[in-house]
Amino acid sequence: MVKIDSIELPDFPLLLAPMEDVSDPPFRALCKEQGADVVYTEFISSEGLIRNAAKSTIKLDIYEKERPVGIQIFGANLDSMLEAVDIVEQSNPDIIDINFGCPVKKVVSKGAGAGILKDVCLMESLTGEIVKRTKLPVTVKTRLGWDHESIKIVEVAERLQDVGCKAISIHGRTRAQMYKGIANWEPIADVKNNPRMHIPVFGNGDVNSPEKAALMRDRYGLDGAMIGRASIGNPWFFKQVKHFFKTGEHLAPISMAERVDAARRHLSMAIEWKGEKLGVFETRRHYTNYFRGIPHFKEYRLKMVTSDDAKDVFDTFNEVLEKFGDHQFA
């Protein structure tokens, strides 16, 4: 069993990573149903929260069926981050997560996200003050370092633990790498093997198959895996990994009926959450992924991503079922 403070999780839990424009309530619900043990919100700007920006505050919406759920915030200004923590607490999440890993320029240029990797002392003090501010467990998601020459993740993780961080998720790339190259899990294992570390250490980056998840568990000895890009359009990934852990075999390929059901439910929940116009528009990006690799699918995908009317999209889902039946696609 793995514990984040008092939150009990199964051995080698699978966590849904916080992903901008992906990890919204509908997608989190689908991943939770398919075996995600912890889910995180999209990352939320502390500056946006304290200014009551609609784009930020809507991301605070969480639901009982998601628990345990973490709300992730980012920022580099202590006063703003502390005020944001007070706002986040009102949504009653199970975890507050701090983003020290986002490599995007507009975040980094403000000293937030991975930008704070240039100032480990600020990273440490910011975490410590947030821990003092809330009774909720505080966790951190970060990267190996700013660049290859500045990787000090063993020291960084230890210092964050010492100021009260209850778990750390580490992406196996530096900020300089962005998402290029191969994630390096060796430094994450070094963090886990540090005899002074006693909080869970979760790995992130390139966990894109059940075999990779097993490797992270068995060879690198990490406490769990945070799943990001592998889950986009594939909320079944969590179930696939757990089935592989249990049996050593792969689940059967996802049938067209299952794909359509997920897309249909995703759209329905999005409409319920944010209304038809936004629900239809913001769900479009997922359809390419739900139906990736399906031959002769272009005309249906085009209908899904160009229609502004929910009924038309649902009708297209029905057409797809009639055309492809319950075929399975690897």
C-alpha atoms as a PDB file:
ATOM      1  CA  MET A   1       0.000   0.000   0.000  1.00  0.00           C
ATOM      2  CA  VAL A   2       1.148   3.543  -0.800  1.00  0.00           C
ATOM      3  CA  LYS A   3       0.070   6.533   1.285  1.00  0.00           C
ATOM      4  CA  ILE A   4      -0.020  10.214   0.453  1.00  0.00           C
ATOM      5  CA  ASP A   5      -0.275  11.511   3.996  1.00  0.00           C
ATOM      6  CA  SER A   6      -3.442   9.713   5.208  1.00  0.00           C
ATOM      7  CA  ILE A   7      -4.738   8.859   1.719  1.00  0.00           C
ATOM      8  CA  GLU A   8      -4.370   5.121   1.208  1.00  0.00           C
ATOM      9  CA  LEU A   9      -3.679   3.901  -2.333  1.00  0.00           C
ATOM     10  CA  PRO A  10      -3.018   0.437  -3.780  1.00  0.00           C
ATOM     11  CA  ASP A  11       0.473  -0.833  -4.484  1.00  0.00           C
ATOM     12  CA  PHE A  12       1.975   1.026  -7.442  1.00  0.00           C
ATOM     13  CA  PRO A  13      -0.945   3.408  -8.008  1.00  0.00           C
ATOM     14  CA  LEU A  14      -1.585   4.990 -11.406  1.00  0.00           C
ATOM     15  CA  LEU A  15      -2.132   8.750 -11.382  1.00  0.00           C
ATOM     16  CA  LEU A  16      -3.722  10.812 -14.140  1.00  0.00           C
ATOM     17  CA  ALA A  17      -1.369  13.714 -14.828  1.00  0.00           C
ATOM     18  CA  PRO A  18      -2.614  17.303 -14.813  1.00  0.00           C
ATOM     19  CA  MET A  19      -2.804  18.247 -18.497  1.00  0.00           C
ATOM     20  CA  GLU A  20      -3.958  21.600 -19.835  1.00  0.00           C
ATOM     21  CA  ASP A  21      -7.096  21.300 -21.985  1.00  0.00           C
ATOM     22  CA  VAL A  22      -7.256  17.553 -21.283  1.00  0.00           C
ATOM     23  CA  SER A  23      -7.722  16.765 -17.574  1.00  0.00           C
ATOM     24  CA  ASP A  24     -11.146  18.350 -17.200  1.00  0.00           C
ATOM     25  CA  PRO A  25     -13.986  16.745 -15.176  1.00  0.00           C
ATOM     26  CA  PRO A  26     -15.430  14.652 -18.064  1.00  0.00           C
ATOM     27  CA  PHE A  27     -12.057  13.144 -18.980  1.00  0.00           C
ATOM     28  CA  ARG A  28     -11.094  12.615 -15.340  1.00  0.00           C
ATOM     29  CA  ALA A  29     -14.367  10.749 -14.781  1.00  0.00           C
ATOM     30  CA  LEU A  30     -13.673   8.409 -17.696  1.00  0.00           C
ATOM     31  CA  CYS A  31     -10.122   7.714 -16.499  1.00  0.00           C
ATOM     32  CA  LYS A  32     -11.338   7.119 -12.953  1.00  0.00           C
ATOM     33  CA  GLU A  33     -13.841   4.542 -14.194  1.00  0.00           C
ATOM     34  CA  GLN A  34     -11.031   2.777 -16.050  1.00  0.00           C
ATOM     35  CA  GLY A  35      -8.782   2.441 -13.014  1.00  0.00           C
ATOM     36  CA  ALA A  36      -6.954   5.730 -12.356  1.00  0.00           C
ATOM     37  CA  ASP A  37      -6.188   5.759  -8.626  1.00  0.00           C
ATOM     38  CA  VAL A  38      -5.668   9.523  -8.295  1.00  0.00           C
ATOM     39  CA  VAL A  39      -6.669  12.227 -10.767  1.00  0.00           C
ATOM     40  CA  TYR A  40      -5.447  15.812 -11.014  1.00  0.00           C
ATOM     41  CA  THR A  41      -7.080  18.902 -12.454  1.00  0.00           C
ATOM     42  CA  GLU A  42      -5.614  20.942 -15.259  1.00  0.00           C
ATOM     43  CA  PHE A  43      -2.992  23.260 -13.808  1.00  0.00           C
ATOM     44  CA  ILE A  44      -4.453  26.508 -12.516  1.00  0.00           C
ATOM     45  CA  SER A  45      -2.789  29.899 -12.439  1.00  0.00           C
ATOM     46  CA  SER A  46      -2.582  31.365  -8.935  1.00  0.00           C
ATOM     47  CA  GLU A  47      -2.739  34.845 -10.460  1.00  0.00           C
ATOM     48  CA  GLY A  48      -5.881  33.873 -12.370  1.00  0.00           C
ATOM     49  CA  LEU A  49      -7.513  32.511  -9.235  1.00  0.00           C
ATOM     50  CA  ILE A  50      -6.923  35.572  -7.098  1.00  0.00           C
ATOM     51  CA  ARG A  51      -8.308  37.760  -9.881  1.00  0.00           C
ATOM     52  CA  ASN A  52     -11.357  35.491 -10.198  1.00  0.00           C
ATOM     53  CA  ALA A  53     -10.647  34.832 -13.879  1.00  0.00           C
ATOM     54  CA  ALA A  54     -13.352  32.569 -15.285  1.00  0.00           C
ATOM     55  CA  LYS A  55     -10.839  30.406 -17.152  1.00  0.00           C
ATOM     56  CA  SER A  56      -9.109  29.626 -13.855  1.00  0.00           C
ATOM     57  CA  THR A  57     -12.045  29.323 -11.479  1.00  0.00           C
ATOM     58  CA  ILE A  58     -13.961  26.814 -13.639  1.00  0.00           C
ATOM     59  CA  LYS A  59     -11.013  24.442 -13.251  1.00  0.00           C
ATOM     60  CA  LEU A  60     -11.790  24.236  -9.535  1.00  0.00           C
ATOM     61  CA  ASP A  61     -14.881  22.120 -10.266  1.00  0.00           C
ATOM     62  CA  ILE A  62     -14.421  18.649  -8.794  1.00  0.00           C
ATOM     63  CA  TYR A  63     -16.917  15.862  -8.098  1.00  0.00           C
ATOM     64  CA  GLU A  64     -17.256  13.146  -5.475  1.00  0.00           C
ATOM     65  CA  LYS A  65     -16.874  10.330  -8.023  1.00  0.00           C
ATOM     66  CA  GLU A  66     -13.345  11.551  -8.806  1.00  0.00           C
ATOM     67  CA  ARG A  67     -11.860  11.150  -5.336  1.00  0.00           C
ATOM     68  CA  PRO A  68      -9.092  11.151  -4.446  1.00  0.00           C
ATOM     69  CA  VAL A  69      -8.561  14.231  -6.591  1.00  0.00           C
ATOM     70  CA  GLY A  70      -5.824  16.834  -6.508  1.00  0.00           C
ATOM     71  CA  ILE A  71      -6.051  20.456  -7.607  1.00  0.00           C
ATOM     72  CA  GLN A  72      -2.804  21.695  -9.137  1.00  0.00           C
ATOM     73  CA  ILE A  73      -1.725  25.326  -8.984  1.00  0.00           C
ATOM     74  CA  PHE A  74       1.269  27.209 -10.352  1.00  0.00           C
ATOM     75  CA  GLY A  75       2.913  30.546  -9.719  1.00  0.00           C
ATOM     76  CA  ALA A  76       6.092  32.122  -8.389  1.00  0.00           C
ATOM     77  CA  ASN A  77       4.740  34.884  -6.129  1.00  0.00           C
ATOM     78  CA  LEU A  78       4.347  33.730  -2.530  1.00  0.00           C
ATOM     79  CA  ASP A  79       1.434  36.015  -1.604  1.00  0.00           C
ATOM     80  CA  SER A  80      -0.500  35.027  -4.728  1.00  0.00           C
ATOM     81  CA  MET A  81       0.145  31.324  -4.158  1.00  0.00           C
ATOM     82  CA  LEU A  82      -0.985  31.491  -0.540  1.00  0.00           C
ATOM     83  CA  GLU A  83      -4.146  33.371  -1.474  1.00  0.00           C
ATOM     84  CA  ALA A  84      -4.759  30.782  -4.216  1.00  0.00           C
ATOM     85  CA  VAL A  85      -4.419  27.992  -1.649  1.00  0.00           C
ATOM     86  CA  ASP A  86      -7.189  29.601   0.420  1.00  0.00           C
ATOM     87  CA  ILE A  87      -9.419  29.662  -2.663  1.00  0.00           C
ATOM     88  CA  VAL A  88      -8.572  26.074  -3.626  1.00  0.00           C
ATOM     89  CA  GLU A  89      -9.417  24.809  -0.134  1.00  0.00           C
ATOM     90  CA  GLN A  90     -13.018  25.958  -0.615  1.00  0.00           C
ATOM     91  CA  SER A  91     -13.413  23.324  -3.364  1.00  0.00           C
ATOM     92  CA  ASN A  92     -12.421  20.664  -0.817  1.00  0.00           C
ATOM     93  CA  PRO A  93      -9.933  18.619  -2.860  1.00  0.00           C
ATOM     94  CA  ASP A  94      -8.032  15.732  -1.310  1.00  0.00           C
ATOM     95  CA  ILE A  95      -4.629  17.087  -2.368  1.00  0.00           C
ATOM     96  CA  ILE A  96      -3.064  20.416  -3.352  1.00  0.00           C
ATOM     97  CA  ASP A  97      -0.344  19.897  -5.944  1.00  0.00           C
ATOM     98  CA  ILE A  98       2.260  22.499  -6.918  1.00  0.00           C
ATOM     99  CA  ASN A  99       3.437  22.621 -10.508  1.00  0.00           C
ATOM    100  CA  PHE A 100       7.196  23.073 -10.675  1.00  0.00           C
ATOM    101  CA  GLY A 101       7.510  21.334 -14.021  1.00  0.00           C
ATOM    102  CA  CYS A 102       5.550  23.014 -16.826  1.00  0.00           C
ATOM    103  CA  PRO A 103       8.095  23.864 -19.550  1.00  0.00           C
ATOM    104  CA  VAL A 104       5.886  26.220 -21.605  1.00  0.00           C
ATOM    105  CA  LYS A 105       7.554  29.553 -22.303  1.00  0.00           C
ATOM    106  CA  LYS A 106       4.690  31.791 -21.147  1.00  0.00           C
ATOM    107  CA  VAL A 107       4.741  30.055 -17.736  1.00  0.00           C
ATOM    108  CA  VAL A 108       8.515  29.760 -17.398  1.00  0.00           C
ATOM    109  CA  SER A 109       9.085  33.394 -18.387  1.00  0.00           C
ATOM    110  CA  LYS A 110       7.250  34.427 -15.215  1.00  0.00           C
ATOM    111  CA  GLY A 111       9.466  32.236 -13.063  1.00  0.00           C
ATOM    112  CA  ALA A 112       6.691  29.673 -12.537  1.00  0.00           C
ATOM    113  CA  GLY A 113       6.407  26.016 -13.524  1.00  0.00           C
ATOM    114  CA  ALA A 114       9.822  24.681 -14.543  1.00  0.00           C
ATOM    115  CA  GLY A 115      11.148  28.239 -14.358  1.00  0.00           C
ATOM    116  CA  ILE A 116      11.477  27.861 -10.606  1.00  0.00           C
ATOM    117  CA  LEU A 117      14.027  25.072 -11.126  1.00  0.00           C
ATOM    118  CA  LYS A 118      16.555  27.883 -11.530  1.00  0.00           C
ATOM    119  CA  ASP A 119      15.943  28.880  -7.892  1.00  0.00           C
ATOM    120  CA  VAL A 120      15.771  25.801  -5.672  1.00  0.00           C
ATOM    121  CA  CYS A 121      15.728  27.928  -2.505  1.00  0.00           C
ATOM    122  CA  LEU A 122      12.556  29.671  -3.708  1.00  0.00           C
ATOM    123  CA  MET A 123      11.104  26.292  -4.660  1.00  0.00           C
ATOM    124  CA  GLU A 124      11.772  25.042  -1.141  1.00  0.00           C
ATOM    125  CA  SER A 125      10.489  28.115   0.699  1.00  0.00           C
ATOM    126  CA  LEU A 126       7.360  28.370  -1.459  1.00  0.00           C
ATOM    127  CA  THR A 127       6.508  24.735  -0.770  1.00  0.00           C
ATOM    128  CA  GLY A 128       7.135  25.132   2.950  1.00  0.00           C
ATOM    129  CA  GLU A 129       4.895  28.196   3.242  1.00  0.00           C
ATOM    130  CA  ILE A 130       2.085  26.472   1.335  1.00  0.00           C
ATOM    131  CA  VAL A 131       2.361  23.456   3.642  1.00  0.00           C
ATOM    132  CA  LYS A 132       1.983  25.792   6.641  1.00  0.00           C
ATOM    133  CA  ARG A 133      -1.044  27.476   5.038  1.00  0.00           C
ATOM    134  CA  THR A 134      -3.216  24.377   4.578  1.00  0.00           C
ATOM    135  CA  LYS A 135      -4.232  21.229   6.406  1.00  0.00           C
ATOM    136  CA  LEU A 136      -4.490  19.384   3.094  1.00  0.00           C
ATOM    137  CA  PRO A 137      -1.557  17.246   1.944  1.00  0.00           C
ATOM    138  CA  VAL A 138       0.702  19.165  -0.422  1.00  0.00           C
ATOM    139  CA  THR A 139       2.453  17.345  -3.262  1.00  0.00           C
ATOM    140  CA  VAL A 140       4.795  18.518  -6.005  1.00  0.00           C
ATOM    141  CA  LYS A 141       5.213  17.726  -9.693  1.00  0.00           C
ATOM    142  CA  THR A 142       8.547  18.698 -11.176  1.00  0.00           C
ATOM    143  CA  ARG A 143      11.314  17.796 -13.649  1.00  0.00           C
ATOM    144  CA  LEU A 144      14.875  16.555 -13.289  1.00  0.00           C
ATOM    145  CA  GLY A 145      16.255  20.075 -13.502  1.00  0.00           C
ATOM    146  CA  TRP A 146      16.530  23.126 -15.722  1.00  0.00           C
ATOM    147  CA  ASP A 147      19.042  21.465 -18.041  1.00  0.00           C
ATOM    148  CA  HIS A 148      21.442  18.525 -18.048  1.00  0.00           C
ATOM    149  CA  GLU A 149      24.130  20.510 -16.206  1.00  0.00           C
ATOM    150  CA  SER A 150      21.824  21.469 -13.336  1.00  0.00           C
ATOM    151  CA  ILE A 151      20.209  18.157 -12.355  1.00  0.00           C
ATOM    152  CA  LYS A 152      20.051  18.113  -8.554  1.00  0.00           C
ATOM    153  CA  ILE A 153      16.762  16.261  -8.183  1.00  0.00           C
ATOM    154  CA  VAL A 154      17.941  14.057  -5.289  1.00  0.00           C
ATOM    155  CA  GLU A 155      18.781  17.121  -3.231  1.00  0.00           C
ATOM    156  CA  VAL A 156      15.681  18.994  -4.402  1.00  0.00           C
ATOM    157  CA  ALA A 157      13.326  16.142  -3.501  1.00  0.00           C
ATOM    158  CA  GLU A 158      14.882  15.779  -0.073  1.00  0.00           C
ATOM    159  CA  ARG A 159      14.552  19.483   0.635  1.00  0.00           C
ATOM    160  CA  LEU A 160      10.905  19.504  -0.471  1.00  0.00           C
ATOM    161  CA  GLN A 161      10.182  16.513   1.738  1.00  0.00           C
ATOM    162  CA  ASP A 162      11.857  18.224   4.686  1.00  0.00           C
ATOM    163  CA  VAL A 163       9.513  21.230   4.438  1.00  0.00           C
ATOM    164  CA  GLY A 164       6.423  19.003   4.420  1.00  0.00           C
ATOM    165  CA  CYS A 165       5.785  17.809   0.863  1.00  0.00           C
ATOM    166  CA  LYS A 166       3.825  14.524   1.113  1.00  0.00           C
ATOM    167  CA  ALA A 167       4.659  13.042  -2.324  1.00  0.00           C
ATOM    168  CA  ILE A 168       6.648  14.000  -5.396  1.00  0.00           C
ATOM    169  CA  SER A 169       6.030  13.213  -9.075  1.00  0.00           C
ATOM    170  CA  ILE A 170       9.083  13.613 -11.290  1.00  0.00           C
ATOM    171  CA  HIS A 171       9.084  13.885 -15.074  1.00  0.00           C
ATOM    172  CA  GLY A 172      12.207  12.243 -16.431  1.00  0.00           C
ATOM    173  CA  ARG A 173      13.267  15.194 -18.603  1.00  0.00           C
ATOM    174  CA  THR A 174      14.793  18.607 -17.986  1.00  0.00           C
ATOM    175  CA  ARG A 175      13.068  21.821 -18.947  1.00  0.00           C
ATOM    176  CA  ALA A 176      15.558  22.241 -21.787  1.00  0.00           C
ATOM    177  CA  GLN A 177      14.386  18.944 -23.270  1.00  0.00           C
ATOM    178  CA  MET A 178      10.725  19.969 -23.234  1.00  0.00           C
ATOM    179  CA  TYR A 179       9.107  16.708 -24.450  1.00  0.00           C
ATOM    180  CA  LYS A 180      11.916  15.658 -26.781  1.00  0.00           C
ATOM    181  CA  GLY A 181      14.203  12.677 -26.465  1.00  0.00           C
ATOM    182  CA  ILE A 182      13.720   9.776 -24.101  1.00  0.00           C
ATOM    183  CA  ALA A 183      12.695  10.261 -20.482  1.00  0.00           C
ATOM    184  CA  ASN A 184      15.481   9.298 -18.077  1.00  0.00           C
ATOM    185  CA  TRP A 185      14.149   7.398 -15.094  1.00  0.00           C
ATOM    186  CA  GLU A 186      17.545   6.728 -13.480  1.00  0.00           C
ATOM    187  CA  PRO A 187      17.638  10.028 -11.528  1.00  0.00           C
ATOM    188  CA  ILE A 188      14.074   9.361 -10.334  1.00  0.00           C
ATOM    189  CA  ALA A 189      15.230   5.976  -9.030  1.00  0.00           C
ATOM    190  CA  ASP A 190      18.116   7.776  -7.305  1.00  0.00           C
ATOM    191  CA  VAL A 191      15.540   9.889  -5.475  1.00  0.00           C
ATOM    192  CA  LYS A 192      13.622   6.789  -4.425  1.00  0.00           C
ATOM    193  CA  ASN A 193      16.818   5.035  -3.293  1.00  0.00           C
ATOM    194  CA  ASN A 194      17.949   7.957  -1.161  1.00  0.00           C
ATOM    195  CA  PRO A 195      17.772   6.465   2.362  1.00  0.00           C
ATOM    196  CA  ARG A 196      16.483   9.784   3.710  1.00  0.00           C
ATOM    197  CA  MET A 197      13.405   9.741   1.485  1.00  0.00           C
ATOM    198  CA  HIS A 198      10.225   8.383   3.032  1.00  0.00           C
ATOM    199  CA  ILE A 199       7.464  10.011   0.928  1.00  0.00           C
ATOM    200  CA  PRO A 200       6.118   8.359  -2.253  1.00  0.00           C
ATOM    201  CA  VAL A 201       8.138   8.986  -5.410  1.00  0.00           C
ATOM    202  CA  PHE A 202       6.101   8.739  -8.613  1.00  0.00           C
ATOM    203  CA  GLY A 203       7.614   8.541 -12.091  1.00  0.00           C
ATOM    204  CA  ASN A 204       6.344  10.415 -15.122  1.00  0.00           C
ATOM    205  CA  GLY A 205       7.366  10.528 -18.777  1.00  0.00           C
ATOM    206  CA  ASP A 206       7.141   7.903 -21.528  1.00  0.00           C
ATOM    207  CA  VAL A 207       4.942   5.471 -19.587  1.00  0.00           C
ATOM    208  CA  ASN A 208       3.154   4.585 -22.815  1.00  0.00           C
ATOM    209  CA  SER A 209       2.635   0.819 -22.503  1.00  0.00           C
ATOM    210  CA  PRO A 210       1.877  -1.714 -19.778  1.00  0.00           C
ATOM    211  CA  GLU A 211       5.427  -3.021 -20.173  1.00  0.00           C
ATOM    212  CA  LYS A 212       6.869   0.440 -19.487  1.00  0.00           C
ATOM    213  CA  ALA A 213       4.745   0.730 -16.338  1.00  0.00           C
ATOM    214  CA  ALA A 214       6.005  -2.681 -15.196  1.00  0.00           C
ATOM    215  CA  LEU A 215       9.585  -1.569 -15.885  1.00  0.00           C
ATOM    216  CA  MET A 216       9.107   1.559 -13.784  1.00  0.00           C
ATOM    217  CA  ARG A 217       7.791  -0.596 -10.958  1.00  0.00           C
ATOM    218  CA  ASP A 218      10.124  -3.577 -11.132  1.00  0.00           C
ATOM    219  CA  ARG A 219      13.470  -2.260 -12.394  1.00  0.00           C
ATOM    220  CA  TYR A 220      13.363   1.291 -11.097  1.00  0.00           C
ATOM    221  CA  GLY A 221      11.458   0.554  -7.888  1.00  0.00           C
ATOM    222  CA  LEU A 222       9.251   3.649  -7.974  1.00  0.00           C
ATOM    223  CA  ASP A 223       6.098   3.954  -5.895  1.00  0.00           C
ATOM    224  CA  GLY A 224       3.726   4.576  -8.803  1.00  0.00           C
ATOM    225  CA  ALA A 225       3.376   6.067 -12.270  1.00  0.00           C
ATOM    226  CA  MET A 226       1.822   9.349 -13.355  1.00  0.00           C
ATOM    227  CA  ILE A 227       0.249   8.878 -16.767  1.00  0.00           C
ATOM    228  CA  GLY A 228      -0.008  11.786 -19.188  1.00  0.00           C
ATOM    229  CA  ARG A 229       0.003  11.586 -22.968  1.00  0.00           C
ATOM    230  CA  ALA A 230      -0.641   7.827 -23.085  1.00  0.00           C
ATOM    231  CA  SER A 231      -4.117   8.404 -21.648  1.00  0.00           C
ATOM    232  CA  ILE A 232      -5.220  11.045 -24.176  1.00  0.00           C
ATOM    233  CA  GLY A 233      -7.918   9.379 -26.258  1.00  0.00           C
ATOM    234  CA  ASN A 234      -7.236   6.201 -24.315  1.00  0.00           C
ATOM    235  CA  PRO A 235      -8.790   6.364 -20.837  1.00  0.00           C
ATOM    236  CA  TRP A 236      -8.592   2.557 -20.935  1.00  0.00           C
ATOM    237  CA  PHE A 237      -4.818   2.765 -20.445  1.00  0.00           C
ATOM    238  CA  PHE A 238      -5.190   2.449 -16.665  1.00  0.00           C
ATOM    239  CA  LYS A 239      -7.235  -0.723 -17.034  1.00  0.00           C
ATOM    240  CA  GLN A 240      -4.785  -2.083 -19.594  1.00  0.00           C
ATOM    241  CA  VAL A 241      -1.844  -1.612 -17.219  1.00  0.00           C
ATOM    242  CA  LYS A 242      -3.611  -3.173 -14.260  1.00  0.00           C
ATOM    243  CA  HIS A 243      -4.713  -6.150 -16.348  1.00  0.00           C
ATOM    244  CA  PHE A 244      -1.114  -6.641 -17.480  1.00  0.00           C
ATOM    245  CA  PHE A 245       0.129  -6.445 -13.894  1.00  0.00           C
ATOM    246  CA  LYS A 246      -2.385  -9.071 -12.823  1.00  0.00           C
ATOM    247  CA  THR A 247      -2.132 -11.527 -15.726  1.00  0.00           C
ATOM    248  CA  GLY A 248       1.002 -10.701 -17.725  1.00  0.00           C
ATOM    249  CA  GLU A 249      -1.216 -10.440 -20.789  1.00  0.00           C
ATOM    250  CA  HIS A 250      -2.650  -7.580 -22.827  1.00  0.00           C
ATOM    251  CA  LEU A 251      -6.335  -6.735 -22.798  1.00  0.00           C
ATOM    252  CA  ALA A 252      -8.144  -7.241 -26.077  1.00  0.00           C
ATOM    253  CA  PRO A 253      -8.061  -4.155 -28.351  1.00  0.00           C
ATOM    254  CA  ILE A 254     -10.698  -1.545 -27.649  1.00  0.00           C
ATOM    255  CA  SER A 255     -13.788  -2.176 -29.765  1.00  0.00           C
ATOM    256  CA  MET A 256     -15.506   0.479 -31.831  1.00  0.00           C
ATOM    257  CA  ALA A 257     -18.538   0.200 -29.550  1.00  0.00           C
ATOM    258  CA  GLU A 258     -16.346   1.069 -26.535  1.00  0.00           C
ATOM    259  CA  ARG A 259     -14.724   3.967 -28.380  1.00  0.00           C
ATOM    260  CA  VAL A 260     -18.062   5.423 -29.419  1.00  0.00           C
ATOM    261  CA  ASP A 261     -19.480   4.982 -25.927  1.00  0.00           C
ATOM    262  CA  ALA A 262     -16.528   6.871 -24.413  1.00  0.00           C
ATOM    263  CA  ALA A 263     -16.805   9.694 -26.967  1.00  0.00           C
ATOM    264  CA  ARG A 264     -20.574   9.913 -26.479  1.00  0.00           C
ATOM    265  CA  ARG A 265     -20.333  10.006 -22.691  1.00  0.00           C
ATOM    266  CA  HIS A 266     -17.449  12.465 -22.810  1.00  0.00           C
ATOM    267  CA  LEU A 267     -19.531  14.861 -24.912  1.00  0.00           C
ATOM    268  CA  SER A 268     -22.610  14.382 -22.715  1.00  0.00           C
ATOM    269  CA  MET A 269     -20.668  15.178 -19.544  1.00  0.00           C
ATOM    270  CA  ALA A 270     -18.981  18.168 -21.197  1.00  0.00           C
ATOM    271  CA  ILE A 271     -22.349  19.616 -22.228  1.00  0.00           C
ATOM    272  CA  GLU A 272     -23.706  19.052 -18.724  1.00  0.00           C
ATOM    273  CA  TRP A 273     -20.644  20.734 -17.226  1.00  0.00           C
ATOM    274  CA  LYS A 274     -20.217  23.800 -19.457  1.00  0.00           C
ATOM    275  CA  GLY A 275     -23.243  23.985 -21.770  1.00  0.00           C
ATOM    276  CA  GLU A 276     -23.759  22.819 -25.351  1.00  0.00           C
ATOM    277  CA  LYS A 277     -21.718  25.423 -27.217  1.00  0.00           C
ATOM    278  CA  LEU A 278     -18.541  25.081 -25.159  1.00  0.00           C
ATOM    279  CA  GLY A 279     -19.085  21.376 -24.556  1.00  0.00           C
ATOM    280  CA  VAL A 280     -19.219  20.629 -28.280  1.00  0.00           C
ATOM    281  CA  PHE A 281     -16.301  22.903 -29.113  1.00  0.00           C
ATOM    282  CA  GLU A 282     -13.916  21.810 -26.368  1.00  0.00           C
ATOM    283  CA  THR A 283     -14.522  18.086 -26.824  1.00  0.00           C
ATOM    284  CA  ARG A 284     -13.510  18.144 -30.501  1.00  0.00           C
ATOM    285  CA  ARG A 285      -9.807  17.768 -29.766  1.00  0.00           C
ATOM    286  CA  HIS A 286     -10.438  14.348 -28.223  1.00  0.00           C
ATOM    287  CA  TYR A 287     -12.135  12.687 -31.190  1.00  0.00           C
ATOM    288  CA  THR A 288      -8.977  12.332 -33.255  1.00  0.00           C
ATOM    289  CA  ASN A 289      -7.481  10.396 -30.372  1.00  0.00           C
ATOM    290  CA  TYR A 290     -10.517   8.234 -29.603  1.00  0.00           C
ATOM    291  CA  PHE A 291     -10.607   7.065 -33.219  1.00  0.00           C
ATOM    292  CA  ARG A 292      -6.897   7.135 -34.022  1.00  0.00           C
ATOM    293  CA  GLY A 293      -5.760   4.466 -36.453  1.00  0.00           C
ATOM    294  CA  ILE A 294      -9.225   3.581 -37.755  1.00  0.00           C
ATOM    295  CA  PRO A 295      -9.070   3.065 -41.544  1.00  0.00           C
ATOM    296  CA  HIS A 296     -11.457   4.988 -43.805  1.00  0.00           C
ATOM    297  CA  PHE A 297     -12.538   7.242 -40.963  1.00  0.00           C
ATOM    298  CA  LYS A 298     -11.732  10.683 -42.339  1.00  0.00           C
ATOM    299  CA  GLU A 299     -15.286  11.693 -43.315  1.00  0.00           C
ATOM    300  CA  TYR A 300     -16.658  10.812 -39.891  1.00  0.00           C
ATOM    301  CA  ARG A 301     -13.861  12.605 -38.050  1.00  0.00           C
ATOM    302  CA  LEU A 302     -14.468  15.684 -40.186  1.00  0.00           C
ATOM    303  CA  LYS A 303     -18.141  15.708 -39.206  1.00  0.00           C
ATOM    304  CA  MET A 304     -17.266  15.359 -35.518  1.00  0.00           C
ATOM    305  CA  VAL A 305     -14.813  18.246 -35.471  1.00  0.00           C
ATOM    306  CA  THR A 306     -16.742  20.708 -37.645  1.00  0.00           C
ATOM    307  CA  SER A 307     -20.312  20.454 -36.348  1.00  0.00           C
ATOM    308  CA  ASP A 308     -21.488  23.074 -33.832  1.00  0.00           C
ATOM    309  CA  ASP A 309     -24.642  21.125 -33.033  1.00  0.00           C
ATOM    310  CA  ALA A 310     -24.557  18.378 -30.402  1.00  0.00           C
ATOM    311  CA  LYS A 311     -27.283  16.385 -32.134  1.00  0.00           C
ATOM    312  CA  ASP A 312     -25.219  16.234 -35.321  1.00  0.00           C
ATOM    313  CA  VAL A 313     -22.221  14.902 -33.402  1.00  0.00           C
ATOM    314  CA  PHE A 314     -24.313  12.272 -31.621  1.00  0.00           C
ATOM    315  CA  ASP A 315     -25.829  11.298 -34.979  1.00  0.00           C
ATOM    316  CA  THR A 316     -22.323  10.865 -36.363  1.00  0.00           C
ATOM    317  CA  PHE A 317     -21.479   8.557 -33.466  1.00  0.00           C
ATOM    318  CA  ASN A 318     -24.499   6.437 -34.447  1.00  0.00           C
ATOM    319  CA  GLU A 319     -23.372   6.388 -38.090  1.00  0.00           C
ATOM    320  CA  VAL A 320     -19.955   5.157 -36.993  1.00  0.00           C
ATOM    321  CA  LEU A 321     -21.518   2.300 -35.044  1.00  0.00           C
ATOM    322  CA  GLU A 322     -23.648   1.314 -38.011  1.00  0.00           C
ATOM    323  CA  LYS A 323     -20.644   1.435 -40.332  1.00  0.00           C
ATOM    324  CA  PHE A 324     -18.055  -0.307 -38.181  1.00  0.00           C
ATOM    325  CA  GLY A 325     -20.202  -2.371 -35.834  1.00  0.00           C
ATOM    326  CA  ASP A 326     -18.313  -3.870 -32.906  1.00  0.00           C
ATOM    327  CA  HIS A 327     -15.000  -4.297 -34.727  1.00  0.00           C
ATOM    328  CA  GLN A 328     -11.830  -4.204 -32.700  1.00  0.00           C
ATOM    329  CA  PHE A 329      -8.846  -2.195 -33.811  1.00  0.00           C
ATOM    330  CA  ALA A 330      -5.380  -2.745 -32.406  1.00  0.00           C
END
